[in-house]
């Protein structure tokens, strides 16, 4: 059995899509835990509904970024997953975590990297008038959305499309492709 840990900071829709897909595909991959840095994250409610253990390392409870990151590192070492999956996790992992789990941390980003790295990628692509955008699934390195690309999927931005419509279509792409890429990484 392969084990993954999902790190999320907010809504957790990708987290839920991953859990549901892994259970449905019966492919020998188990979501071992959700780790969140936000005690208010809706992902916690999703984890409870899905009976996934949750570890809350509320960022504001720590006196420094370094203390938070060392607590996170200790939890990850304790669990020792085959893969760490970032799904709306809004913190940059320090080099000592990236190096400890080199090649075993993946992230999804709502743009076609290297375009629109960082926050608010969908909105920035939309406001810039981009003709297409999409998703990128990539390995995590020490930069911001700079790791080796595993897979990208493109969608055209419709001429009369509202931002909310574009966001929904991006999320559908994420929910479909992210679990499948994770499965492929762990079953190849």
Protein backbone atom coordinates (compact mmCIF):
# COMPACT_ATOMS: atom_id res chain seq x y z
CA UNK A 1 0.00 0.00 0.00
CA UNK A 2 1.36 3.42 -1.02
CA UNK A 3 0.62 6.29 1.34
CA UNK A 4 0.19 9.97 0.65
CA UNK A 5 -0.20 13.01 2.87
CA UNK A 6 -2.08 16.04 1.58
CA UNK A 7 -1.20 19.57 2.73
CA UNK A 8 -4.00 22.11 2.34
CA UNK A 9 -4.76 25.57 3.69
CA UNK A 10 -8.29 26.30 2.53
CA UNK A 11 -11.32 24.80 0.84
CA UNK A 12 -9.88 21.34 0.21
CA UNK A 13 -11.74 20.50 -2.99
CA UNK A 14 -8.62 18.98 -4.55
CA UNK A 15 -8.00 17.04 -1.34
CA UNK A 16 -11.52 15.58 -1.51
CA UNK A 17 -11.16 14.77 -5.22
CA UNK A 18 -7.93 12.91 -4.48
CA UNK A 19 -9.42 10.89 -1.61
CA UNK A 20 -12.52 9.93 -3.59
CA UNK A 21 -10.52 8.95 -6.67
CA UNK A 22 -8.05 6.78 -4.71
CA UNK A 23 -10.91 4.97 -3.00
CA UNK A 24 -12.78 4.45 -6.26
CA UNK A 25 -9.81 3.27 -8.33
CA UNK A 26 -8.79 0.72 -5.70
CA UNK A 27 -5.19 1.17 -6.83
CA UNK A 28 -3.36 0.53 -3.57
CA UNK A 29 -2.94 4.20 -2.62
CA UNK A 30 -4.24 5.53 0.67
CA UNK A 31 -4.52 9.11 1.84
CA UNK A 32 -2.88 8.73 5.23
CA UNK A 33 -3.62 12.22 6.58
CA UNK A 34 -4.48 15.81 5.89
CA UNK A 35 -2.10 18.38 7.34
CA UNK A 36 -3.31 21.96 7.48
CA UNK A 37 -1.75 25.21 8.65
CA UNK A 38 -5.16 26.81 9.15
CA UNK A 39 -7.53 25.76 11.92
CA UNK A 40 -10.40 27.36 9.97
CA UNK A 41 -9.74 25.50 6.71
CA UNK A 42 -12.84 23.92 5.18
CA UNK A 43 -10.59 21.01 4.24
CA UNK A 44 -10.86 19.91 7.90
CA UNK A 45 -14.62 19.40 7.49
CA UNK A 46 -14.04 17.46 4.29
CA UNK A 47 -11.47 15.24 6.05
CA UNK A 48 -13.87 14.54 8.90
CA UNK A 49 -16.63 13.60 6.44
CA UNK A 50 -14.20 11.31 4.60
CA UNK A 51 -12.77 9.81 7.84
CA UNK A 52 -9.24 10.99 7.08
CA UNK A 53 -7.04 11.81 10.09
CA UNK A 54 -6.27 15.52 10.30
CA UNK A 55 -3.24 17.20 11.78
CA UNK A 56 -3.74 20.89 12.48
CA UNK A 57 -0.51 22.85 12.77
CA UNK A 58 -2.15 26.26 13.03
CA UNK A 59 0.47 28.67 11.73
CA UNK A 60 -0.52 31.50 14.07
CA UNK A 61 0.10 29.25 17.10
CA UNK A 62 3.85 29.23 16.35
CA UNK A 63 6.25 31.97 17.38
CA UNK A 64 8.20 31.80 14.13
CA UNK A 65 8.05 30.46 10.60
CA UNK A 66 11.01 28.22 11.39
CA UNK A 67 9.28 26.65 14.42
CA UNK A 68 6.21 25.97 12.31
CA UNK A 69 8.28 24.41 9.52
CA UNK A 70 10.22 22.19 11.95
CA UNK A 71 6.94 20.97 13.46
CA UNK A 72 5.72 20.21 9.93
CA UNK A 73 8.96 18.40 9.11
CA UNK A 74 8.65 16.28 12.25
CA UNK A 75 5.06 15.29 11.38
CA UNK A 76 6.04 14.41 7.83
CA UNK A 77 8.97 12.31 9.04
CA UNK A 78 6.70 10.57 11.56
CA UNK A 79 4.19 9.64 8.84
CA UNK A 80 6.88 8.90 6.22
CA UNK A 81 4.58 9.03 3.18
CA UNK A 82 5.51 7.83 -0.28
CA UNK A 83 4.31 11.17 -1.64
CA UNK A 84 3.48 14.59 -0.19
CA UNK A 85 0.72 16.30 -2.15
CA UNK A 86 0.22 20.05 -1.94
CA UNK A 87 -3.39 20.96 -2.67
CA UNK A 88 -4.02 24.62 -2.02
CA UNK A 89 -1.27 24.76 0.58
CA UNK A 90 -0.40 28.44 0.80
CA UNK A 91 3.10 28.25 2.28
CA UNK A 92 6.46 27.86 0.63
CA UNK A 93 8.30 24.81 1.91
CA UNK A 94 11.82 25.54 3.18
CA UNK A 95 14.82 23.86 1.62
CA UNK A 96 15.26 21.42 4.52
CA UNK A 97 11.80 19.96 3.94
CA UNK A 98 12.21 19.92 0.16
CA UNK A 99 15.59 18.20 0.49
CA UNK A 100 14.34 15.66 3.05
CA UNK A 101 11.61 14.52 0.63
CA UNK A 102 13.34 15.33 -2.69
CA UNK A 103 11.33 14.06 -5.64
CA UNK A 104 8.42 13.08 -3.39
CA UNK A 105 6.54 16.40 -3.15
CA UNK A 106 4.10 17.49 -5.85
CA UNK A 107 1.98 20.58 -6.32
CA UNK A 108 -0.77 21.74 -8.63
CA UNK A 109 -0.89 25.29 -9.96
CA UNK A 110 -3.80 26.94 -11.81
CA UNK A 111 -1.85 28.22 -14.80
CA UNK A 112 0.43 26.98 -17.53
CA UNK A 113 3.76 27.48 -15.82
CA UNK A 114 6.04 29.31 -16.15
CA UNK A 115 3.29 31.88 -16.77
CA UNK A 116 1.53 33.35 -13.75
CA UNK A 117 3.58 31.82 -10.95
CA UNK A 118 2.43 32.53 -7.40
CA UNK A 119 -0.87 33.77 -6.06
CA UNK A 120 -4.07 34.63 -7.95
CA UNK A 121 -2.91 32.99 -11.17
CA UNK A 122 -6.38 32.52 -12.66
CA UNK A 123 -7.38 36.12 -12.04
CA UNK A 124 -4.07 37.47 -13.36
CA UNK A 125 -4.36 35.42 -16.58
CA UNK A 126 -7.97 36.56 -17.01
CA UNK A 127 -7.22 40.25 -16.43
CA UNK A 128 -4.20 40.16 -18.72
CA UNK A 129 -6.41 38.90 -21.54
CA UNK A 130 -4.65 35.58 -22.00
CA UNK A 131 -6.20 33.43 -24.74
CA UNK A 132 -5.61 30.19 -22.85
CA UNK A 133 -4.63 29.02 -19.42
CA UNK A 134 -4.81 25.72 -17.60
CA UNK A 135 -3.15 23.69 -14.89
CA UNK A 136 0.35 22.51 -14.16
CA UNK A 137 1.25 19.58 -11.94
CA UNK A 138 4.89 19.78 -10.93
CA UNK A 139 7.48 18.62 -8.45
CA UNK A 140 8.24 21.03 -5.64
CA UNK A 141 11.68 22.54 -5.49
CA UNK A 142 13.02 25.48 -3.49
CA UNK A 143 11.47 28.13 -5.75
CA UNK A 144 7.90 29.31 -6.20
CA UNK A 145 6.24 27.15 -8.84
CA UNK A 146 9.59 26.41 -10.49
CA UNK A 147 9.86 22.63 -10.08
CA UNK A 148 10.04 20.12 -12.92
CA UNK A 149 6.72 19.93 -14.75
CA UNK A 150 4.98 16.56 -14.67
CA UNK A 151 1.86 17.42 -16.66
CA UNK A 152 0.03 20.43 -18.06
CA UNK A 153 -3.49 20.79 -19.43
CA UNK A 154 -4.69 23.79 -21.39
CA UNK A 155 -8.11 25.37 -21.81
CA UNK A 156 -9.11 28.31 -23.95
CA UNK A 157 -10.49 31.36 -22.19
CA UNK A 158 -13.80 32.15 -23.85
CA UNK A 159 -14.16 35.67 -25.19
CA UNK A 160 -17.26 36.49 -23.13
CA UNK A 161 -16.41 34.30 -20.14
CA UNK A 162 -16.78 35.57 -16.58
CA UNK A 163 -13.91 35.03 -14.15
CA UNK A 164 -16.05 32.73 -11.98
CA UNK A 165 -16.80 30.50 -14.97
CA UNK A 166 -13.10 30.25 -15.77
CA UNK A 167 -12.28 29.41 -12.15
CA UNK A 168 -14.86 26.62 -12.16
CA UNK A 169 -13.47 25.14 -15.36
CA UNK A 170 -9.91 25.26 -13.97
CA UNK A 171 -11.05 23.49 -10.80
CA UNK A 172 -12.76 20.76 -12.83
CA UNK A 173 -9.47 20.19 -14.67
CA UNK A 174 -7.60 20.03 -11.35
CA UNK A 175 -10.07 17.58 -9.81
CA UNK A 176 -9.87 15.30 -12.83
CA UNK A 177 -6.13 15.29 -13.58
CA UNK A 178 -4.42 15.70 -10.21
CA UNK A 179 -5.60 12.38 -8.71
CA UNK A 180 -4.75 10.52 -11.91
CA UNK A 181 -1.24 11.97 -12.10
CA UNK A 182 -0.68 11.08 -8.43
CA UNK A 183 -1.83 7.53 -9.13
CA UNK A 184 0.52 7.27 -12.12
CA UNK A 185 3.47 8.56 -10.10
CA UNK A 186 2.92 5.90 -7.45
CA UNK A 187 2.05 2.93 -9.66
CA UNK A 188 4.63 3.23 -12.46
